[in-house]
Every structure is written in structure tokens, then in C-alpha cells.
Amino acid sequence: MFFAMFGINNKYFPGFLLAAAVFFSGCESKPDNSEIGFEFRYQVVFTEPGQLKAWIPVPQNDVFQTISNLRIESNLTYRTLYDSVYHNRFVVVDGVVGETPDTLVITFDVLRKEAGIDTTNSEPDYLKIFMSPFKMVPNDQRFKNIADSLDSDGESFVRRVYEYVLDNMIYDKSGEGWGRGDAIYACEIGKGNCTDYHSLFNAIVRARGIPARFHIGFPLPSENAGNIKGYHCWTDFHIPGRGWIPVDISEADKHPGKRNYYYGTLDNRRVDFTIGRDIPLPEGTAEDVVNYIIFPYVKLNGNPREAYLSTISFREFPDRRKLSE
């Protein structure tokens, strides 16, 4: 009855099993945490004629990934710009697309390692950004009620939130409303994809004044090369004196044996593209603010349109030293 009161479908019995899940990790298995190197290819075909302006996100270096050998090929005019809030990097494209589609191809190399605690970016002004409400992750009394029901503080509280979301969300992309990172939808319906899991988590921890960052990128399939069909997202939260601690709740839900692993650790088969919500696009209008971004944002003759096709692929290097050649 307690969980129904907050509009979430409880998937498991939350009593002593919750405590056992938090503290018992002896049967966990970890993926390979060595560094991997790969070439990443992001192709965009602009399919409709007209005056084009488009934004394509491009990843940057951080403590867990190194981006190198960035190459851009297109007949259209383009430049590299950064948004004014999160400093995400974009290739911004301008030009006229004729009756024949125009293509832009971005390729780069990535050296990626398993992610843990990030001790950078702990300045007060930066932390405030990630305590703010967003359109899809608002301040709402229901999140405060859930936070208050989890009787703990500090990182122990965050771990309880992690377990709460795991126990009360189902990975389900049926119907409508999922995939927007709508924390209220996730709270009321109790299902969705990675955007919904992590938006609910962020909303609850922020109700206690804990900063939390939304990340989105692409997962690498288990093969050594191929196309990447969809995006993936995760989040991290900030604890004073510790830093940013990552969690991947939807992956933990899909792989119960890694429930403890994905609290505080991320596997290396991913590339991080952008951070944040309600992202103002560089050189955009006041309306060009996106909920989150991983695929191109395209305007044709001044109006947003999905006038493109994208193909995303990767090729893993057998020897990561090839990245320096």
C-alpha cells in the first residue's frame, strides 16, 4: 500500500530483501575493466530540400574517455560550438539542401575505460546547475514524499533511492510516454526506458539537495564492429568529499547479477556524448532548447523537422595503441 500511495508499481517485496540487496555483493560478476579503443562513425543524411540548420552532438574528453582524431566530412558549412550551460560540444551545420540529399560524416577515435568516481567539477556554481528543476524533472511534492520515506541521509540515502527505483520500475517501452525522461510519468506509471529510470532517480535525490547529472551516449554491442541501434543514458550524483558517483539503474535492472556493480561503476563499452537537460543549443533561438540530445536536432526553413537519417557504427581496435598511430 505504501508504494501504491506514490503511484509506483512495486516489482519486488521491499522489506529485508532491500537491505540484503544493498549489502550483499559476493555473487556479483564484473565485466572486463581494461581500456578499449575503437573508431566511431556518425553519419547524417539530410533528406529534404530547404534552408538547413542542424546540431549534431560530439563527445569530449573526460576522466574516463579520450576522444582523438576527430574528422568531419561535408559539402555543407559547419563549425564546432559549445552550449552556454553544460559546455557540450556540437557540430553546427548551415546550408541549403537541394533535391539531392546532403551528407555529413563525423568520425573519431575513442579510448574508453571503466568509470568510477569523478573528483573533478565540484565547484559550488557548477553543482547548483544539477540541483535545479528541469521541465521533465521538476520539483514536486511526490518526490519529496518518497525521499522522506527513505529514512537515511547522505550516500546511504542515495543507495536507498537506487534500490527504490530498481524495485519500482520495469524496463518496458510499450505504449506512449516513455523515453522522454519524464520523472512524473515514471513515478506514476512505474515503467519506461533508461531516460525514465534516471530521471526518477535524479528527481528524488535532488529533493534532498543532492546534485545529479543526466548523461546520454551510445552503448557498444558485444561484437567487435557493427551498427549501433540506439542510445543509452545513465546518471551520477555528487557527495562532498567524494565526488561524482555513477549509477546505471536500467542496466542493473536488466542484469540483476550486476545490481551492486552498477552502483558506483560503469562498464567500458559506452561513449558519453552529452550531459544535462533543457540544453540551450549554441546559436539557436530561445525556442531551441532540447530536453536532452543524442541524435541531430534539425531545422528546415526555420522549423524543427526530423528531416534526416542517421547511421551510427563502430569498429573496435584489436590493439588500443593504434589510437596513437
C-alpha atoms as a PDB file:
ATOM      1  CA  MET A   1       0.000   0.000   0.000  1.00  0.00           C
ATOM      2  CA  PHE A   2       2.860   2.364   0.739  1.00  0.00           C
ATOM      3  CA  PHE A   3       4.179   2.125  -2.833  1.00  0.00           C
ATOM      4  CA  ALA A   4       0.724   2.418  -4.356  1.00  0.00           C
ATOM      5  CA  MET A   5       0.269   5.662  -2.423  1.00  0.00           C
ATOM      6  CA  PHE A   6       3.042   7.198  -4.535  1.00  0.00           C
ATOM      7  CA  GLY A   7       1.734   5.793  -7.799  1.00  0.00           C
ATOM      8  CA  ILE A   8       4.511   3.277  -8.448  1.00  0.00           C
ATOM      9  CA  ASN A   9       4.074  -0.408  -9.185  1.00  0.00           C
ATOM     10  CA  ASN A  10       6.285  -2.335  -6.751  1.00  0.00           C
ATOM     11  CA  LYS A  11       8.043  -5.181  -8.532  1.00  0.00           C
ATOM     12  CA  TYR A  12       9.674  -6.871  -5.546  1.00  0.00           C
ATOM     13  CA  PHE A  13       8.919  -7.122  -1.843  1.00  0.00           C
ATOM     14  CA  PRO A  14      10.842  -4.126  -0.407  1.00  0.00           C
ATOM     15  CA  GLY A  15      11.492  -5.192   3.198  1.00  0.00           C
ATOM     16  CA  PHE A  16      14.505  -7.129   4.390  1.00  0.00           C
ATOM     17  CA  LEU A  17      15.296  -8.120   0.783  1.00  0.00           C
ATOM     18  CA  LEU A  18      16.161  -4.477   0.115  1.00  0.00           C
ATOM     19  CA  ALA A  19      18.695  -4.404   2.901  1.00  0.00           C
ATOM     20  CA  ALA A  20      20.186  -7.682   1.704  1.00  0.00           C
ATOM     21  CA  ALA A  21      20.499  -6.327  -1.827  1.00  0.00           C
ATOM     22  CA  VAL A  22      22.283  -3.227  -0.586  1.00  0.00           C
ATOM     23  CA  PHE A  23      24.923  -5.003   1.465  1.00  0.00           C
ATOM     24  CA  PHE A  24      25.417  -8.414  -0.157  1.00  0.00           C
ATOM     25  CA  SER A  25      27.600  -8.469  -3.255  1.00  0.00           C
ATOM     26  CA  GLY A  26      29.535 -11.713  -3.032  1.00  0.00           C
ATOM     27  CA  CYS A  27      27.908 -13.202  -6.138  1.00  0.00           C
ATOM     28  CA  GLU A  28      28.411 -10.178  -8.389  1.00  0.00           C
ATOM     29  CA  SER A  29      30.293 -10.606 -11.655  1.00  0.00           C
ATOM     30  CA  LYS A  30      32.168  -7.730 -13.289  1.00  0.00           C
ATOM     31  CA  PRO A  31      32.802  -7.085 -16.971  1.00  0.00           C
ATOM     32  CA  ASP A  32      36.311  -6.555 -18.274  1.00  0.00           C
ATOM     33  CA  ASN A  33      37.520  -3.209 -16.927  1.00  0.00           C
ATOM     34  CA  SER A  34      40.516  -2.839 -19.231  1.00  0.00           C
ATOM     35  CA  GLU A  35      40.725   0.071 -21.653  1.00  0.00           C
ATOM     36  CA  ILE A  36      39.252  -0.453 -25.102  1.00  0.00           C
ATOM     37  CA  GLY A  37      39.846   1.588 -28.225  1.00  0.00           C
ATOM     38  CA  PHE A  38      37.509   1.974 -31.148  1.00  0.00           C
ATOM     39  CA  GLU A  39      36.672   4.123 -34.129  1.00  0.00           C
ATOM     40  CA  PHE A  40      33.231   5.706 -34.055  1.00  0.00           C
ATOM     41  CA  ARG A  41      31.325   6.837 -37.161  1.00  0.00           C
ATOM     42  CA  TYR A  42      28.267   9.113 -37.037  1.00  0.00           C
ATOM     43  CA  GLN A  43      26.657   9.683 -40.443  1.00  0.00           C
ATOM     44  CA  VAL A  44      23.754  12.052 -41.019  1.00  0.00           C
ATOM     45  CA  VAL A  45      21.892  12.358 -44.330  1.00  0.00           C
ATOM     46  CA  PHE A  46      19.735  15.479 -44.664  1.00  0.00           C
ATOM     47  CA  THR A  47      16.816  14.219 -46.710  1.00  0.00           C
ATOM     48  CA  GLU A  48      14.627  17.231 -47.511  1.00  0.00           C
ATOM     49  CA  PRO A  49      15.387  20.365 -49.559  1.00  0.00           C
ATOM     50  CA  GLY A  50      15.444  23.805 -47.960  1.00  0.00           C
ATOM     51  CA  GLN A  51      17.453  26.126 -45.747  1.00  0.00           C
ATOM     52  CA  LEU A  52      19.089  23.904 -43.170  1.00  0.00           C
ATOM     53  CA  LYS A  53      20.437  24.433 -39.680  1.00  0.00           C
ATOM     54  CA  ALA A  54      21.376  21.392 -37.641  1.00  0.00           C
ATOM     55  CA  TRP A  55      23.118  20.492 -34.399  1.00  0.00           C
ATOM     56  CA  ILE A  56      24.915  17.164 -34.002  1.00  0.00           C
ATOM     57  CA  PRO A  57      26.465  16.378 -30.586  1.00  0.00           C
ATOM     58  CA  VAL A  58      30.101  15.332 -30.420  1.00  0.00           C
ATOM     59  CA  PRO A  59      31.722  13.745 -27.337  1.00  0.00           C
ATOM     60  CA  GLN A  60      34.620  15.255 -25.411  1.00  0.00           C
ATOM     61  CA  ASN A  61      37.461  14.069 -23.228  1.00  0.00           C
ATOM     62  CA  ASP A  62      36.756  13.306 -19.609  1.00  0.00           C
ATOM     63  CA  VAL A  63      38.473  11.255 -16.927  1.00  0.00           C
ATOM     64  CA  PHE A  64      37.111   8.003 -18.394  1.00  0.00           C
ATOM     65  CA  GLN A  65      37.298   8.559 -22.144  1.00  0.00           C
ATOM     66  CA  THR A  66      39.750  10.135 -24.572  1.00  0.00           C
ATOM     67  CA  ILE A  67      38.499  11.418 -27.929  1.00  0.00           C
ATOM     68  CA  SER A  68      41.043  11.869 -30.710  1.00  0.00           C
ATOM     69  CA  ASN A  69      41.413  12.150 -34.473  1.00  0.00           C
ATOM     70  CA  LEU A  70      38.076  13.953 -34.974  1.00  0.00           C
ATOM     71  CA  ARG A  71      37.238  14.230 -38.678  1.00  0.00           C
ATOM     72  CA  ILE A  72      34.237  15.913 -40.324  1.00  0.00           C
ATOM     73  CA  GLU A  73      33.303  15.472 -43.985  1.00  0.00           C
ATOM     74  CA  SER A  74      30.548  17.502 -45.654  1.00  0.00           C
ATOM     75  CA  ASN A  75      29.855  19.886 -48.505  1.00  0.00           C
ATOM     76  CA  LEU A  76      27.804  22.000 -46.114  1.00  0.00           C
ATOM     77  CA  THR A  77      29.222  24.787 -43.937  1.00  0.00           C
ATOM     78  CA  TYR A  78      29.869  23.646 -40.379  1.00  0.00           C
ATOM     79  CA  ARG A  79      31.658  24.726 -37.218  1.00  0.00           C
ATOM     80  CA  THR A  80      32.220  23.419 -33.699  1.00  0.00           C
ATOM     81  CA  LEU A  81      30.413  25.231 -30.879  1.00  0.00           C
ATOM     82  CA  TYR A  82      29.543  24.638 -27.196  1.00  0.00           C
ATOM     83  CA  ASP A  83      26.310  25.215 -25.319  1.00  0.00           C
ATOM     84  CA  SER A  84      26.296  28.003 -22.736  1.00  0.00           C
ATOM     85  CA  VAL A  85      25.236  25.951 -19.686  1.00  0.00           C
ATOM     86  CA  TYR A  86      26.845  22.499 -19.800  1.00  0.00           C
ATOM     87  CA  HIS A  87      29.533  23.154 -22.446  1.00  0.00           C
ATOM     88  CA  ASN A  88      28.529  20.167 -24.525  1.00  0.00           C
ATOM     89  CA  ARG A  89      30.215  20.152 -27.930  1.00  0.00           C
ATOM     90  CA  PHE A  90      28.255  20.341 -31.199  1.00  0.00           C
ATOM     91  CA  VAL A  91      28.904  20.352 -34.888  1.00  0.00           C
ATOM     92  CA  VAL A  92      26.563  23.092 -36.118  1.00  0.00           C
ATOM     93  CA  VAL A  93      25.654  22.884 -39.800  1.00  0.00           C
ATOM     94  CA  ASP A  94      24.291  25.622 -42.081  1.00  0.00           C
ATOM     95  CA  GLY A  95      23.459  25.470 -45.765  1.00  0.00           C
ATOM     96  CA  VAL A  96      20.921  24.876 -48.466  1.00  0.00           C
ATOM     97  CA  VAL A  97      19.954  21.288 -49.155  1.00  0.00           C
ATOM     98  CA  GLY A  98      18.886  20.710 -52.757  1.00  0.00           C
ATOM     99  CA  GLU A  99      16.836  17.972 -54.320  1.00  0.00           C
ATOM    100  CA  THR A 100      19.793  15.634 -53.811  1.00  0.00           C
ATOM    101  CA  PRO A 101      20.309  14.807 -50.110  1.00  0.00           C
ATOM    102  CA  ASP A 102      23.443  16.145 -48.410  1.00  0.00           C
ATOM    103  CA  THR A 103      25.566  14.026 -46.085  1.00  0.00           C
ATOM    104  CA  LEU A 104      27.722  14.868 -43.074  1.00  0.00           C
ATOM    105  CA  VAL A 105      30.033  12.248 -41.603  1.00  0.00           C
ATOM    106  CA  ILE A 106      31.764  12.601 -38.236  1.00  0.00           C
ATOM    107  CA  THR A 107      34.404  10.061 -37.284  1.00  0.00           C
ATOM    108  CA  PHE A 108      36.655   9.939 -34.251  1.00  0.00           C
ATOM    109  CA  ASP A 109      38.662   7.519 -32.140  1.00  0.00           C
ATOM    110  CA  VAL A 110      37.802   6.698 -28.539  1.00  0.00           C
ATOM    111  CA  LEU A 111      39.838   5.204 -25.720  1.00  0.00           C
ATOM    112  CA  ARG A 112      37.377   4.218 -23.026  1.00  0.00           C
ATOM    113  CA  LYS A 113      37.864   2.677 -19.583  1.00  0.00           C
ATOM    114  CA  GLU A 114      35.614   1.518 -16.790  1.00  0.00           C
ATOM    115  CA  ALA A 115      34.182   4.506 -14.935  1.00  0.00           C
ATOM    116  CA  GLY A 116      34.146   5.134 -11.213  1.00  0.00           C
ATOM    117  CA  ILE A 117      34.164   8.225  -9.030  1.00  0.00           C
ATOM    118  CA  ASP A 118      34.944  11.513 -10.800  1.00  0.00           C
ATOM    119  CA  THR A 119      36.567  14.059  -8.477  1.00  0.00           C
ATOM    120  CA  THR A 120      36.512  16.952 -10.989  1.00  0.00           C
ATOM    121  CA  ASN A 121      33.877  19.692 -11.322  1.00  0.00           C
ATOM    122  CA  SER A 122      32.968  20.166  -7.680  1.00  0.00           C
ATOM    123  CA  GLU A 123      32.735  23.974  -7.720  1.00  0.00           C
ATOM    124  CA  PRO A 124      29.599  25.372  -5.987  1.00  0.00           C
ATOM    125  CA  ASP A 125      28.320  27.195  -9.085  1.00  0.00           C
ATOM    126  CA  TYR A 126      28.634  24.035 -11.152  1.00  0.00           C
ATOM    127  CA  LEU A 127      26.863  21.907  -8.543  1.00  0.00           C
ATOM    128  CA  LYS A 128      23.930  24.350  -8.455  1.00  0.00           C
ATOM    129  CA  ILE A 129      23.164  23.602 -12.094  1.00  0.00           C
ATOM    130  CA  PHE A 130      22.396  19.995 -11.211  1.00  0.00           C
ATOM    131  CA  MET A 131      20.192  20.818  -8.241  1.00  0.00           C
ATOM    132  CA  SER A 132      17.882  22.911 -10.425  1.00  0.00           C
ATOM    133  CA  PRO A 133      14.447  21.740 -11.589  1.00  0.00           C
ATOM    134  CA  PHE A 134      14.030  20.928 -15.271  1.00  0.00           C
ATOM    135  CA  LYS A 135      10.926  20.694 -17.428  1.00  0.00           C
ATOM    136  CA  MET A 136      10.771  16.906 -17.216  1.00  0.00           C
ATOM    137  CA  VAL A 137      12.441  16.641 -13.794  1.00  0.00           C
ATOM    138  CA  PRO A 138      10.569  19.221 -11.723  1.00  0.00           C
ATOM    139  CA  ASN A 139      10.449  19.973  -8.030  1.00  0.00           C
ATOM    140  CA  ASP A 140       7.325  18.128  -6.949  1.00  0.00           C
ATOM    141  CA  GLN A 141       5.916  17.127  -3.593  1.00  0.00           C
ATOM    142  CA  ARG A 142       5.650  13.476  -4.576  1.00  0.00           C
ATOM    143  CA  PHE A 143       9.451  13.258  -4.908  1.00  0.00           C
ATOM    144  CA  LYS A 144       9.936  14.878  -1.519  1.00  0.00           C
ATOM    145  CA  ASN A 145       7.468  12.385  -0.028  1.00  0.00           C
ATOM    146  CA  ILE A 146       9.426   9.466  -1.457  1.00  0.00           C
ATOM    147  CA  ALA A 147      12.719  10.961  -0.258  1.00  0.00           C
ATOM    148  CA  ASP A 148      11.299  11.453   3.244  1.00  0.00           C
ATOM    149  CA  SER A 149      10.089   7.845   3.312  1.00  0.00           C
ATOM    150  CA  LEU A 150      13.644   6.565   2.787  1.00  0.00           C
ATOM    151  CA  ASP A 151      14.856   7.088   6.317  1.00  0.00           C
ATOM    152  CA  SER A 152      18.556   7.787   5.823  1.00  0.00           C
ATOM    153  CA  ASP A 153      20.994  10.550   4.906  1.00  0.00           C
ATOM    154  CA  GLY A 154      23.982  11.224   2.677  1.00  0.00           C
ATOM    155  CA  GLU A 155      25.238   8.424   0.474  1.00  0.00           C
ATOM    156  CA  SER A 156      23.212   5.843   2.395  1.00  0.00           C
ATOM    157  CA  PHE A 157      20.113   7.756   1.318  1.00  0.00           C
ATOM    158  CA  VAL A 158      21.248   7.740  -2.325  1.00  0.00           C
ATOM    159  CA  ARG A 159      21.796   3.994  -2.213  1.00  0.00           C
ATOM    160  CA  ARG A 160      18.256   3.599  -0.933  1.00  0.00           C
ATOM    161  CA  VAL A 161      16.982   5.717  -3.830  1.00  0.00           C
ATOM    162  CA  TYR A 162      18.906   3.494  -6.244  1.00  0.00           C
ATOM    163  CA  GLU A 163      17.277   0.398  -4.745  1.00  0.00           C
ATOM    164  CA  TYR A 164      13.880   2.100  -4.672  1.00  0.00           C
ATOM    165  CA  VAL A 165      13.979   2.875  -8.393  1.00  0.00           C
ATOM    166  CA  LEU A 166      15.204  -0.649  -9.171  1.00  0.00           C
ATOM    167  CA  ASP A 167      12.383  -2.172  -7.167  1.00  0.00           C
ATOM    168  CA  ASN A 168       9.637   0.063  -8.519  1.00  0.00           C
ATOM    169  CA  MET A 169      10.449   0.465 -12.219  1.00  0.00           C
ATOM    170  CA  ILE A 170      10.043  -2.045 -15.055  1.00  0.00           C
ATOM    171  CA  TYR A 171      12.024  -1.738 -18.287  1.00  0.00           C
ATOM    172  CA  ASP A 172       9.118  -1.504 -20.739  1.00  0.00           C
ATOM    173  CA  LYS A 173       8.927   0.543 -23.930  1.00  0.00           C
ATOM    174  CA  SER A 174       5.309  -0.245 -24.765  1.00  0.00           C
ATOM    175  CA  GLY A 175       2.586   2.361 -25.046  1.00  0.00           C
ATOM    176  CA  GLU A 176       3.174   6.113 -25.031  1.00  0.00           C
ATOM    177  CA  GLY A 177       5.033   8.487 -22.732  1.00  0.00           C
ATOM    178  CA  TRP A 178       8.251   6.532 -22.187  1.00  0.00           C
ATOM    179  CA  GLY A 179      11.633   7.747 -23.402  1.00  0.00           C
ATOM    180  CA  ARG A 180      11.209  11.434 -22.594  1.00  0.00           C
ATOM    181  CA  GLY A 181      12.907  11.275 -19.227  1.00  0.00           C
ATOM    182  CA  ASP A 182       9.688  12.414 -17.577  1.00  0.00           C
ATOM    183  CA  ALA A 183      10.118  11.868 -13.835  1.00  0.00           C
ATOM    184  CA  ILE A 184       6.419  12.303 -13.055  1.00  0.00           C
ATOM    185  CA  TYR A 185       5.463   9.781 -15.752  1.00  0.00           C
ATOM    186  CA  ALA A 186       7.996   7.320 -14.330  1.00  0.00           C
ATOM    187  CA  CYS A 187       6.678   7.866 -10.816  1.00  0.00           C
ATOM    188  CA  GLU A 188       3.048   7.360 -11.805  1.00  0.00           C
ATOM    189  CA  ILE A 189       3.413   4.550 -14.361  1.00  0.00           C
ATOM    190  CA  GLY A 190       6.436   2.705 -12.967  1.00  0.00           C
ATOM    191  CA  LYS A 191       7.882   1.722 -16.336  1.00  0.00           C
ATOM    192  CA  GLY A 192       9.977   3.142 -19.156  1.00  0.00           C
ATOM    193  CA  ASN A 193      13.491   3.113 -20.528  1.00  0.00           C
ATOM    194  CA  CYS A 194      16.836   4.413 -19.267  1.00  0.00           C
ATOM    195  CA  THR A 195      15.756   8.068 -19.546  1.00  0.00           C
ATOM    196  CA  ASP A 196      12.803   7.426 -17.252  1.00  0.00           C
ATOM    197  CA  TYR A 197      14.709   5.394 -14.648  1.00  0.00           C
ATOM    198  CA  HIS A 198      17.387   8.032 -14.245  1.00  0.00           C
ATOM    199  CA  SER A 199      15.022  10.990 -14.305  1.00  0.00           C
ATOM    200  CA  LEU A 200      13.072   9.483 -11.416  1.00  0.00           C
ATOM    201  CA  PHE A 201      16.313   8.857  -9.524  1.00  0.00           C
ATOM    202  CA  ASN A 202      17.510  12.423 -10.136  1.00  0.00           C
ATOM    203  CA  ALA A 203      14.207  13.931  -9.036  1.00  0.00           C
ATOM    204  CA  ILE A 204      14.249  12.056  -5.725  1.00  0.00           C
ATOM    205  CA  VAL A 205      17.890  12.765  -4.803  1.00  0.00           C
ATOM    206  CA  ARG A 206      17.511  16.442  -5.722  1.00  0.00           C
ATOM    207  CA  ALA A 207      14.585  16.610  -3.306  1.00  0.00           C
ATOM    208  CA  ARG A 208      17.308  16.260  -0.632  1.00  0.00           C
ATOM    209  CA  GLY A 209      19.557  18.852  -2.278  1.00  0.00           C
ATOM    210  CA  ILE A 210      21.947  16.319  -3.826  1.00  0.00           C
ATOM    211  CA  PRO A 211      23.224  17.298  -7.303  1.00  0.00           C
ATOM    212  CA  ALA A 212      22.648  14.713 -10.031  1.00  0.00           C
ATOM    213  CA  ARG A 213      23.754  14.804 -13.694  1.00  0.00           C
ATOM    214  CA  PHE A 214      21.994  13.138 -16.598  1.00  0.00           C
ATOM    215  CA  HIS A 215      24.377  11.563 -19.166  1.00  0.00           C
ATOM    216  CA  ILE A 216      23.499  10.203 -22.597  1.00  0.00           C
ATOM    217  CA  GLY A 217      25.625   8.389 -25.141  1.00  0.00           C
ATOM    218  CA  PHE A 218      25.825   5.181 -27.112  1.00  0.00           C
ATOM    219  CA  PRO A 219      26.449   1.626 -25.898  1.00  0.00           C
ATOM    220  CA  LEU A 220      28.867  -0.633 -27.744  1.00  0.00           C
ATOM    221  CA  PRO A 221      27.482  -4.026 -28.769  1.00  0.00           C
ATOM    222  CA  SER A 222      29.436  -7.094 -27.721  1.00  0.00           C
ATOM    223  CA  GLU A 223      30.696  -7.623 -31.294  1.00  0.00           C
ATOM    224  CA  ASN A 224      33.950  -6.042 -32.470  1.00  0.00           C
ATOM    225  CA  ALA A 225      32.229  -3.913 -35.114  1.00  0.00           C
ATOM    226  CA  GLY A 226      28.783  -3.029 -36.394  1.00  0.00           C
ATOM    227  CA  ASN A 227      25.920  -0.582 -36.269  1.00  0.00           C
ATOM    228  CA  ILE A 228      24.598   0.858 -33.024  1.00  0.00           C
ATOM    229  CA  LYS A 229      20.814   0.800 -32.938  1.00  0.00           C
ATOM    230  CA  GLY A 230      20.015   3.101 -30.037  1.00  0.00           C
ATOM    231  CA  TYR A 231      21.244   5.392 -27.298  1.00  0.00           C
ATOM    232  CA  HIS A 232      21.826   4.722 -23.630  1.00  0.00           C
ATOM    233  CA  CYS A 233      21.785   7.023 -20.617  1.00  0.00           C
ATOM    234  CA  TRP A 234      22.891   6.938 -17.005  1.00  0.00           C
ATOM    235  CA  THR A 235      23.469   9.418 -14.206  1.00  0.00           C
ATOM    236  CA  ASP A 236      25.857  10.394 -11.426  1.00  0.00           C
ATOM    237  CA  PHE A 237      25.382  12.207  -8.134  1.00  0.00           C
ATOM    238  CA  HIS A 238      27.706  14.363  -6.072  1.00  0.00           C
ATOM    239  CA  ILE A 239      28.743  13.717  -2.475  1.00  0.00           C
ATOM    240  CA  PRO A 240      31.005  16.332  -0.801  1.00  0.00           C
ATOM    241  CA  GLY A 241      34.478  14.989  -0.226  1.00  0.00           C
ATOM    242  CA  ARG A 242      33.862  12.041  -2.560  1.00  0.00           C
ATOM    243  CA  GLY A 243      32.931  13.472  -5.951  1.00  0.00           C
ATOM    244  CA  TRP A 244      30.552  12.330  -8.693  1.00  0.00           C
ATOM    245  CA  ILE A 245      29.455   8.721  -8.214  1.00  0.00           C
ATOM    246  CA  PRO A 246      27.914   6.988 -11.269  1.00  0.00           C
ATOM    247  CA  VAL A 247      24.887   4.709 -11.391  1.00  0.00           C
ATOM    248  CA  ASP A 248      23.247   2.838 -14.253  1.00  0.00           C
ATOM    249  CA  ILE A 249      19.917   1.682 -12.889  1.00  0.00           C
ATOM    250  CA  SER A 250      18.309   0.384 -16.069  1.00  0.00           C
ATOM    251  CA  GLU A 251      21.321  -1.823 -16.829  1.00  0.00           C
ATOM    252  CA  ALA A 252      21.245  -3.102 -13.262  1.00  0.00           C
ATOM    253  CA  ASP A 253      17.577  -3.948 -13.744  1.00  0.00           C
ATOM    254  CA  LYS A 254      18.276  -5.832 -16.970  1.00  0.00           C
ATOM    255  CA  HIS A 255      21.241  -7.652 -15.380  1.00  0.00           C
ATOM    256  CA  PRO A 256      20.297  -8.455 -11.744  1.00  0.00           C
ATOM    257  CA  GLY A 257      23.664 -10.111 -11.115  1.00  0.00           C
ATOM    258  CA  LYS A 258      25.293  -6.690 -11.554  1.00  0.00           C
ATOM    259  CA  ARG A 259      22.935  -4.832  -9.228  1.00  0.00           C
ATOM    260  CA  ASN A 260      25.757  -3.762  -6.946  1.00  0.00           C
ATOM    261  CA  TYR A 261      28.274  -3.279  -9.754  1.00  0.00           C
ATOM    262  CA  TYR A 262      26.223  -0.552 -11.446  1.00  0.00           C
ATOM    263  CA  TYR A 263      26.095   1.464  -8.251  1.00  0.00           C
ATOM    264  CA  GLY A 264      29.413   3.307  -8.389  1.00  0.00           C
ATOM    265  CA  THR A 265      30.819   1.720 -11.549  1.00  0.00           C
ATOM    266  CA  LEU A 266      30.112   1.815 -15.289  1.00  0.00           C
ATOM    267  CA  ASP A 267      31.383  -0.700 -17.832  1.00  0.00           C
ATOM    268  CA  ASN A 268      33.721   0.491 -20.567  1.00  0.00           C
ATOM    269  CA  ARG A 269      31.512  -0.404 -23.559  1.00  0.00           C
ATOM    270  CA  ARG A 270      29.934   3.006 -23.972  1.00  0.00           C
ATOM    271  CA  VAL A 271      30.792   6.505 -25.111  1.00  0.00           C
ATOM    272  CA  ASP A 272      29.474   9.569 -23.268  1.00  0.00           C
ATOM    273  CA  PHE A 273      28.139  12.285 -25.606  1.00  0.00           C
ATOM    274  CA  THR A 274      26.261  14.956 -23.626  1.00  0.00           C
ATOM    275  CA  ILE A 275      25.340  15.972 -20.088  1.00  0.00           C
ATOM    276  CA  GLY A 276      22.267  17.795 -18.833  1.00  0.00           C
ATOM    277  CA  ARG A 277      18.623  18.558 -19.513  1.00  0.00           C
ATOM    278  CA  ASP A 278      16.950  21.601 -21.078  1.00  0.00           C
ATOM    279  CA  ILE A 279      20.073  22.235 -23.147  1.00  0.00           C
ATOM    280  CA  PRO A 280      20.221  25.588 -24.994  1.00  0.00           C
ATOM    281  CA  LEU A 281      21.662  24.968 -28.453  1.00  0.00           C
ATOM    282  CA  PRO A 282      24.516  27.293 -29.450  1.00  0.00           C
ATOM    283  CA  GLU A 283      23.477  29.980 -31.938  1.00  0.00           C
ATOM    284  CA  GLY A 284      19.895  28.803 -31.580  1.00  0.00           C
ATOM    285  CA  THR A 285      16.773  30.833 -30.872  1.00  0.00           C
ATOM    286  CA  ALA A 286      15.053  30.997 -27.488  1.00  0.00           C
ATOM    287  CA  GLU A 287      12.946  28.019 -28.639  1.00  0.00           C
ATOM    288  CA  ASP A 288      15.972  25.884 -29.499  1.00  0.00           C
ATOM    289  CA  VAL A 289      16.265  24.284 -26.066  1.00  0.00           C
ATOM    290  CA  VAL A 290      16.251  20.489 -26.101  1.00  0.00           C
ATOM    291  CA  ASN A 291      15.095  18.093 -23.392  1.00  0.00           C
ATOM    292  CA  TYR A 292      18.301  16.095 -23.984  1.00  0.00           C
ATOM    293  CA  ILE A 293      20.272  15.409 -27.155  1.00  0.00           C
ATOM    294  CA  ILE A 294      21.963  12.436 -28.739  1.00  0.00           C
ATOM    295  CA  PHE A 295      20.527  12.442 -32.276  1.00  0.00           C
ATOM    296  CA  PRO A 296      20.612  15.505 -34.569  1.00  0.00           C
ATOM    297  CA  TYR A 297      18.336  18.461 -33.963  1.00  0.00           C
ATOM    298  CA  VAL A 298      17.374  19.757 -37.408  1.00  0.00           C
ATOM    299  CA  LYS A 299      15.582  22.907 -38.535  1.00  0.00           C
ATOM    300  CA  LEU A 300      14.455  23.307 -42.109  1.00  0.00           C
ATOM    301  CA  ASN A 301      13.348  26.750 -43.282  1.00  0.00           C
ATOM    302  CA  GLY A 302      13.323  27.795 -39.634  1.00  0.00           C
ATOM    303  CA  ASN A 303      11.097  24.956 -38.376  1.00  0.00           C
ATOM    304  CA  PRO A 304      12.142  21.848 -36.415  1.00  0.00           C
ATOM    305  CA  ARG A 305      11.826  18.733 -38.575  1.00  0.00           C
ATOM    306  CA  GLU A 306      13.099  15.185 -38.476  1.00  0.00           C
ATOM    307  CA  ALA A 307      14.426  15.669 -41.993  1.00  0.00           C
ATOM    308  CA  TYR A 308      17.393  13.342 -41.670  1.00  0.00           C
ATOM    309  CA  LEU A 309      18.539   9.742 -41.487  1.00  0.00           C
ATOM    310  CA  SER A 310      21.360   8.764 -39.158  1.00  0.00           C
ATOM    311  CA  THR A 311      23.626   5.725 -39.175  1.00  0.00           C
ATOM    312  CA  ILE A 312      25.942   5.131 -36.221  1.00  0.00           C
ATOM    313  CA  SER A 313      28.627   2.475 -36.247  1.00  0.00           C
ATOM    314  CA  PHE A 314      31.867   1.483 -34.548  1.00  0.00           C
ATOM    315  CA  ARG A 315      34.949  -0.652 -35.113  1.00  0.00           C
ATOM    316  CA  GLU A 316      36.976  -1.846 -32.170  1.00  0.00           C
ATOM    317  CA  PHE A 317      40.763  -1.737 -32.474  1.00  0.00           C
ATOM    318  CA  PRO A 318      42.431  -5.085 -31.664  1.00  0.00           C
ATOM    319  CA  ASP A 319      45.336  -3.089 -30.246  1.00  0.00           C
ATOM    320  CA  ARG A 320      44.474   0.166 -28.482  1.00  0.00           C
ATOM    321  CA  ARG A 321      47.903   1.532 -29.406  1.00  0.00           C
ATOM    322  CA  LYS A 322      46.523   2.078 -32.906  1.00  0.00           C
ATOM    323  CA  LEU A 323      44.846   5.165 -31.461  1.00  0.00           C
ATOM    324  CA  SER A 324      48.203   6.927 -31.372  1.00  0.00           C
ATOM    325  CA  GLU A 325      49.286   5.968 -34.886  1.00  0.00           C
END
